[in-house]
C-alpha atoms as a PDB file:
ATOM      1  CA  UNK A   1      -0.357   0.079   0.333  1.00  0.00           C
ATOM      2  CA  UNK A   2       2.700   2.366   0.864  1.00  0.00           C
ATOM      3  CA  UNK A   3       4.277   1.778  -2.971  1.00  0.00           C
ATOM      4  CA  UNK A   4       0.966   2.801  -4.143  1.00  0.00           C
ATOM      5  CA  UNK A   5       0.259   5.798  -1.978  1.00  0.00           C
ATOM      6  CA  UNK A   6       3.887   6.829  -3.080  1.00  0.00           C
ATOM      7  CA  UNK A   7       3.216   6.401  -7.108  1.00  0.00           C
ATOM      8  CA  UNK A   8      -0.523   7.887  -6.942  1.00  0.00           C
ATOM      9  CA  UNK A   9       1.182  11.488  -4.353  1.00  0.00           C
ATOM     10  CA  UNK A  10      -1.493  10.633  -1.737  1.00  0.00           C
ATOM     11  CA  UNK A  11      -0.464  11.972   1.841  1.00  0.00           C
ATOM     12  CA  UNK A  12      -1.561   8.271   3.401  1.00  0.00           C
ATOM     13  CA  UNK A  13      -3.713   5.599   3.434  1.00  0.00           C
ATOM     14  CA  UNK A  14      -6.399   5.456   5.935  1.00  0.00           C
ATOM     15  CA  UNK A  15      -8.255   2.140   6.760  1.00  0.00           C
ATOM     16  CA  UNK A  16     -12.222   2.475   8.837  1.00  0.00           C
ATOM     17  CA  UNK A  17     -11.094   1.386  12.613  1.00  0.00           C
ATOM     18  CA  UNK A  18     -13.378   2.704  14.718  1.00  0.00           C
ATOM     19  CA  UNK A  19     -14.199   3.243  18.666  1.00  0.00           C
ATOM     20  CA  UNK A  20     -15.724   0.080  18.666  1.00  0.00           C
ATOM     21  CA  UNK A  21     -12.885  -2.100  17.428  1.00  0.00           C
ATOM     22  CA  UNK A  22     -10.577  -1.548  19.973  1.00  0.00           C
ATOM     23  CA  UNK A  23     -11.647  -3.851  22.226  1.00  0.00           C
ATOM     24  CA  UNK A  24      -9.991  -6.556  21.183  1.00  0.00           C
ATOM     25  CA  UNK A  25      -7.135  -8.280  19.662  1.00  0.00           C
ATOM     26  CA  UNK A  26      -5.954  -7.484  16.426  1.00  0.00           C
ATOM     27  CA  UNK A  27      -3.073  -7.993  14.914  1.00  0.00           C
ATOM     28  CA  UNK A  28      -3.502  -5.499  12.133  1.00  0.00           C
ATOM     29  CA  UNK A  29      -4.166  -2.846  14.013  1.00  0.00           C
ATOM     30  CA  UNK A  30      -0.843  -3.083  15.388  1.00  0.00           C
ATOM     31  CA  UNK A  31       0.215  -2.964  11.994  1.00  0.00           C
ATOM     32  CA  UNK A  32      -1.018  -0.409  11.165  1.00  0.00           C
ATOM     33  CA  UNK A  33       0.231   1.569  13.811  1.00  0.00           C
ATOM     34  CA  UNK A  34       3.763   0.364  12.532  1.00  0.00           C
ATOM     35  CA  UNK A  35       3.120   1.995   9.146  1.00  0.00           C
ATOM     36  CA  UNK A  36       1.506   4.676  10.387  1.00  0.00           C
ATOM     37  CA  UNK A  37      -1.681   4.168   8.347  1.00  0.00           C
ATOM     38  CA  UNK A  38      -4.267   6.745   9.447  1.00  0.00           C
ATOM     39  CA  UNK A  39      -7.147   5.825  11.684  1.00  0.00           C
ATOM     40  CA  UNK A  40      -9.362   9.039  10.464  1.00  0.00           C
ATOM     41  CA  UNK A  41     -12.411   7.320  12.971  1.00  0.00           C
ATOM     42  CA  UNK A  42     -11.193   6.124  15.544  1.00  0.00           C
ATOM     43  CA  UNK A  43      -9.017   9.852  16.064  1.00  0.00           C
ATOM     44  CA  UNK A  44     -13.229  11.398  16.078  1.00  0.00           C
ATOM     45  CA  UNK A  45     -14.440   9.290  18.943  1.00  0.00           C
ATOM     46  CA  UNK A  46     -16.707   7.732  16.186  1.00  0.00           C
ATOM     47  CA  UNK A  47     -18.680   4.561  17.665  1.00  0.00           C
ATOM     48  CA  UNK A  48     -19.846   1.983  14.532  1.00  0.00           C
ATOM     49  CA  UNK A  49     -23.593   3.230  15.582  1.00  0.00           C
ATOM     50  CA  UNK A  50     -22.619   6.856  15.119  1.00  0.00           C
ATOM     51  CA  UNK A  51     -20.169   6.207  11.747  1.00  0.00           C
ATOM     52  CA  UNK A  52     -23.832   4.141  10.579  1.00  0.00           C
ATOM     53  CA  UNK A  53     -26.043   7.256  11.813  1.00  0.00           C
ATOM     54  CA  UNK A  54     -24.014   9.186   9.815  1.00  0.00           C
ATOM     55  CA  UNK A  55     -23.517   7.185   7.114  1.00  0.00           C
ATOM     56  CA  UNK A  56     -27.527   6.782   6.809  1.00  0.00           C
ATOM     57  CA  UNK A  57     -27.976  10.607   7.449  1.00  0.00           C
ATOM     58  CA  UNK A  58     -25.268  11.160   4.265  1.00  0.00           C
ATOM     59  CA  UNK A  59     -27.874   9.153   2.078  1.00  0.00           C
ATOM     60  CA  UNK A  60     -25.362   6.075   1.863  1.00  0.00           C
ATOM     61  CA  UNK A  61     -26.582   2.703   1.012  1.00  0.00           C
ATOM     62  CA  UNK A  62     -24.028   0.799   2.803  1.00  0.00           C
ATOM     63  CA  UNK A  63     -25.307   2.822   6.149  1.00  0.00           C
ATOM     64  CA  UNK A  64     -25.945  -0.738   6.834  1.00  0.00           C
ATOM     65  CA  UNK A  65     -23.734  -3.225   5.797  1.00  0.00           C
ATOM     66  CA  UNK A  66     -22.199  -5.737   8.102  1.00  0.00           C
ATOM     67  CA  UNK A  67     -19.067  -5.399   9.983  1.00  0.00           C
ATOM     68  CA  UNK A  68     -16.611  -7.010   7.682  1.00  0.00           C
ATOM     69  CA  UNK A  69     -12.850  -7.647   9.815  1.00  0.00           C
ATOM     70  CA  UNK A  70      -9.839  -7.865   6.898  1.00  0.00           C
ATOM     71  CA  UNK A  71      -9.844 -10.743   5.477  1.00  0.00           C
ATOM     72  CA  UNK A  72      -6.249 -11.979   7.435  1.00  0.00           C
ATOM     73  CA  UNK A  73      -8.501 -12.521  10.773  1.00  0.00           C
ATOM     74  CA  UNK A  74     -10.024 -15.106   9.298  1.00  0.00           C
ATOM     75  CA  UNK A  75      -7.043 -17.567   8.919  1.00  0.00           C
ATOM     76  CA  UNK A  76      -5.547 -19.577  12.266  1.00  0.00           C
ATOM     77  CA  UNK A  77      -2.898 -18.002  14.532  1.00  0.00           C
ATOM     78  CA  UNK A  78       0.473 -19.232  13.130  1.00  0.00           C
ATOM     79  CA  UNK A  79      -0.847 -20.161   9.274  1.00  0.00           C
ATOM     80  CA  UNK A  80       1.278 -18.244   6.973  1.00  0.00           C
ATOM     81  CA  UNK A  81      -1.344 -15.537   5.466  1.00  0.00           C
ATOM     82  CA  UNK A  82      -1.156 -15.946   1.469  1.00  0.00           C
ATOM     83  CA  UNK A  83      -3.279 -14.066  -1.168  1.00  0.00           C
ATOM     84  CA  UNK A  84      -4.644 -17.895  -2.040  1.00  0.00           C
ATOM     85  CA  UNK A  85      -6.017 -18.371   1.386  1.00  0.00           C
ATOM     86  CA  UNK A  86      -7.296 -15.330   0.846  1.00  0.00           C
ATOM     87  CA  UNK A  87      -8.922 -16.033  -2.326  1.00  0.00           C
ATOM     88  CA  UNK A  88     -10.226 -19.090  -0.515  1.00  0.00           C
ATOM     89  CA  UNK A  89     -11.756 -16.956   2.017  1.00  0.00           C
ATOM     90  CA  UNK A  90     -13.299 -14.369   0.032  1.00  0.00           C
ATOM     91  CA  UNK A  91     -14.779 -16.934  -2.125  1.00  0.00           C
ATOM     92  CA  UNK A  92     -16.244 -18.969   0.492  1.00  0.00           C
ATOM     93  CA  UNK A  93     -18.330 -15.322   1.918  1.00  0.00           C
ATOM     94  CA  UNK A  94     -19.324 -15.030  -1.390  1.00  0.00           C
ATOM     95  CA  UNK A  95     -20.875 -17.920  -1.211  1.00  0.00           C
ATOM     96  CA  UNK A  96     -22.371 -18.021   1.750  1.00  0.00           C
ATOM     97  CA  UNK A  97     -23.586 -14.551   0.989  1.00  0.00           C
ATOM     98  CA  UNK A  98     -24.855 -16.011  -2.485  1.00  0.00           C
ATOM     99  CA  UNK A  99     -27.108 -18.740  -0.171  1.00  0.00           C
ATOM    100  CA  UNK A 100     -28.850 -15.827   1.047  1.00  0.00           C
ATOM    101  CA  UNK A 101     -26.642 -15.081   4.789  1.00  0.00           C
ATOM    102  CA  UNK A 102     -25.946 -12.037   6.055  1.00  0.00           C
ATOM    103  CA  UNK A 103     -23.536 -11.877   8.579  1.00  0.00           C
ATOM    104  CA  UNK A 104     -20.944 -14.962   8.691  1.00  0.00           C
ATOM    105  CA  UNK A 105     -17.327 -15.353   8.701  1.00  0.00           C
ATOM    106  CA  UNK A 106     -15.324 -18.118   7.201  1.00  0.00           C
ATOM    107  CA  UNK A 107     -12.393 -19.174   9.890  1.00  0.00           C
ATOM    108  CA  UNK A 108      -9.779 -21.059   7.510  1.00  0.00           C
ATOM    109  CA  UNK A 109      -7.673 -23.608  10.173  1.00  0.00           C
ATOM    110  CA  UNK A 110      -5.996 -25.378   7.400  1.00  0.00           C
ATOM    111  CA  UNK A 111      -7.830 -28.153   6.091  1.00  0.00           C
ATOM    112  CA  UNK A 112     -11.061 -27.462   8.227  1.00  0.00           C
ATOM    113  CA  UNK A 113     -12.975 -24.464   7.233  1.00  0.00           C
ATOM    114  CA  UNK A 114     -15.302 -23.912  10.329  1.00  0.00           C
ATOM    115  CA  UNK A 115     -18.349 -21.559   8.992  1.00  0.00           C
ATOM    116  CA  UNK A 116     -20.361 -18.954  11.341  1.00  0.00           C
ATOM    117  CA  UNK A 117     -23.358 -17.654  10.546  1.00  0.00           C
ATOM    118  CA  UNK A 118     -25.325 -14.920  12.890  1.00  0.00           C
ATOM    119  CA  UNK A 119     -27.697 -16.722  15.131  1.00  0.00           C
ATOM    120  CA  UNK A 120     -31.046 -15.225  13.883  1.00  0.00           C
ATOM    121  CA  UNK A 121     -29.918 -16.592  10.258  1.00  0.00           C
ATOM    122  CA  UNK A 122     -28.584 -20.160  11.908  1.00  0.00           C
ATOM    123  CA  UNK A 123     -32.019 -22.222  11.411  1.00  0.00           C
ATOM    124  CA  UNK A 124     -30.809 -21.750   8.000  1.00  0.00           C
ATOM    125  CA  UNK A 125     -28.036 -22.862   8.113  1.00  0.00           C
ATOM    126  CA  UNK A 126     -29.200 -26.344   9.934  1.00  0.00           C
ATOM    127  CA  UNK A 127     -30.800 -27.894   7.551  1.00  0.00           C
ATOM    128  CA  UNK A 128     -29.702 -31.271   5.680  1.00  0.00           C
ATOM    129  CA  UNK A 129     -29.851 -29.193   1.982  1.00  0.00           C
ATOM    130  CA  UNK A 130     -27.855 -26.381   3.279  1.00  0.00           C
ATOM    131  CA  UNK A 131     -25.629 -28.773   5.025  1.00  0.00           C
ATOM    132  CA  UNK A 132     -25.162 -30.478   1.983  1.00  0.00           C
ATOM    133  CA  UNK A 133     -24.555 -27.528   0.058  1.00  0.00           C
ATOM    134  CA  UNK A 134     -21.699 -26.001   2.802  1.00  0.00           C
ATOM    135  CA  UNK A 135     -19.772 -29.198   1.911  1.00  0.00           C
ATOM    136  CA  UNK A 136     -20.139 -28.884  -2.468  1.00  0.00           C
ATOM    137  CA  UNK A 137     -18.815 -25.217  -1.676  1.00  0.00           C
ATOM    138  CA  UNK A 138     -16.417 -25.750   0.799  1.00  0.00           C
ATOM    139  CA  UNK A 139     -14.322 -29.331  -0.725  1.00  0.00           C
ATOM    140  CA  UNK A 140     -14.752 -27.472  -3.976  1.00  0.00           C
ATOM    141  CA  UNK A 141     -11.887 -24.847  -2.186  1.00  0.00           C
ATOM    142  CA  UNK A 142     -10.163 -27.482  -1.295  1.00  0.00           C
ATOM    143  CA  UNK A 143     -10.950 -27.852   2.598  1.00  0.00           C
ATOM    144  CA  UNK A 144     -10.997 -31.850   3.463  1.00  0.00           C
ATOM    145  CA  UNK A 145     -13.317 -30.996   6.633  1.00  0.00           C
ATOM    146  CA  UNK A 146     -16.350 -28.528   6.723  1.00  0.00           C
ATOM    147  CA  UNK A 147     -17.460 -27.739  10.102  1.00  0.00           C
ATOM    148  CA  UNK A 148     -20.490 -25.284  11.033  1.00  0.00           C
ATOM    149  CA  UNK A 149     -19.809 -23.661  14.446  1.00  0.00           C
ATOM    150  CA  UNK A 150     -22.585 -23.738  16.900  1.00  0.00           C
ATOM    151  CA  UNK A 151     -22.115 -20.718  18.596  1.00  0.00           C
ATOM    152  CA  UNK A 152     -22.890 -18.790  15.441  1.00  0.00           C
ATOM    153  CA  UNK A 153     -20.599 -16.016  14.395  1.00  0.00           C
ATOM    154  CA  UNK A 154     -18.695 -13.744  17.008  1.00  0.00           C
ATOM    155  CA  UNK A 155     -16.414 -10.933  16.451  1.00  0.00           C
ATOM    156  CA  UNK A 156     -12.578 -12.286  17.211  1.00  0.00           C
ATOM    157  CA  UNK A 157     -12.956 -15.824  17.602  1.00  0.00           C
ATOM    158  CA  UNK A 158     -10.103 -16.764  16.708  1.00  0.00           C
ATOM    159  CA  UNK A 159      -8.475 -15.313  20.044  1.00  0.00           C
ATOM    160  CA  UNK A 160      -9.966 -18.189  21.918  1.00  0.00           C
ATOM    161  CA  UNK A 161      -6.987 -19.988  21.636  1.00  0.00           C
ATOM    162  CA  UNK A 162      -4.893 -16.765  22.360  1.00  0.00           C
ATOM    163  CA  UNK A 163      -3.126 -16.916  25.877  1.00  0.00           C
ATOM    164  CA  UNK A 164      -5.162 -13.908  28.307  1.00  0.00           C
ATOM    165  CA  UNK A 165      -1.425 -12.536  28.586  1.00  0.00           C
ATOM    166  CA  UNK A 166      -1.064 -11.769  24.494  1.00  0.00           C
ATOM    167  CA  UNK A 167      -4.322 -10.510  25.067  1.00  0.00           C
ATOM    168  CA  UNK A 168      -3.721  -8.178  27.421  1.00  0.00           C
ATOM    169  CA  UNK A 169      -0.467  -6.942  26.614  1.00  0.00           C
ATOM    170  CA  UNK A 170      -1.586  -6.667  22.563  1.00  0.00           C
ATOM    171  CA  UNK A 171      -4.412  -3.513  23.503  1.00  0.00           C
ATOM    172  CA  UNK A 172      -3.197   0.363  22.907  1.00  0.00           C
END
């Protein structure tokens, strides 16, 4: 991104981290700080709800779009994040969207995919026909095992395996 910024003559690179994103371990935020990436929404002290309200008032059609963290946050810790892995995650999430789901995550655990679906949408995911469709989609993407996380969608679920000390020391 830095090369692109320089080639286009921009003063900085910015991203959409906001006040509500500060309560969890987010390696991408640490990387952004190290590289001097601007965080205007955070600097303005805006929460997700306030950003949605402002976007709605401005007539932006994406004002109620579900949150969508960086694709690399879907890769298990310790596994290299490669363009191929990110493409598989993106294709899996595109497939879930095409199946009518709105809030979800595809979590990449090597040979295992862990699909998280919002609890409000879980009844649609828990049918034999949808299980067969999930299996078809994710095996075609190269996974050997396809799992549906019965706890449903939740931000930061990859952090469950981290020791508490790592979570505390990573906070800004």
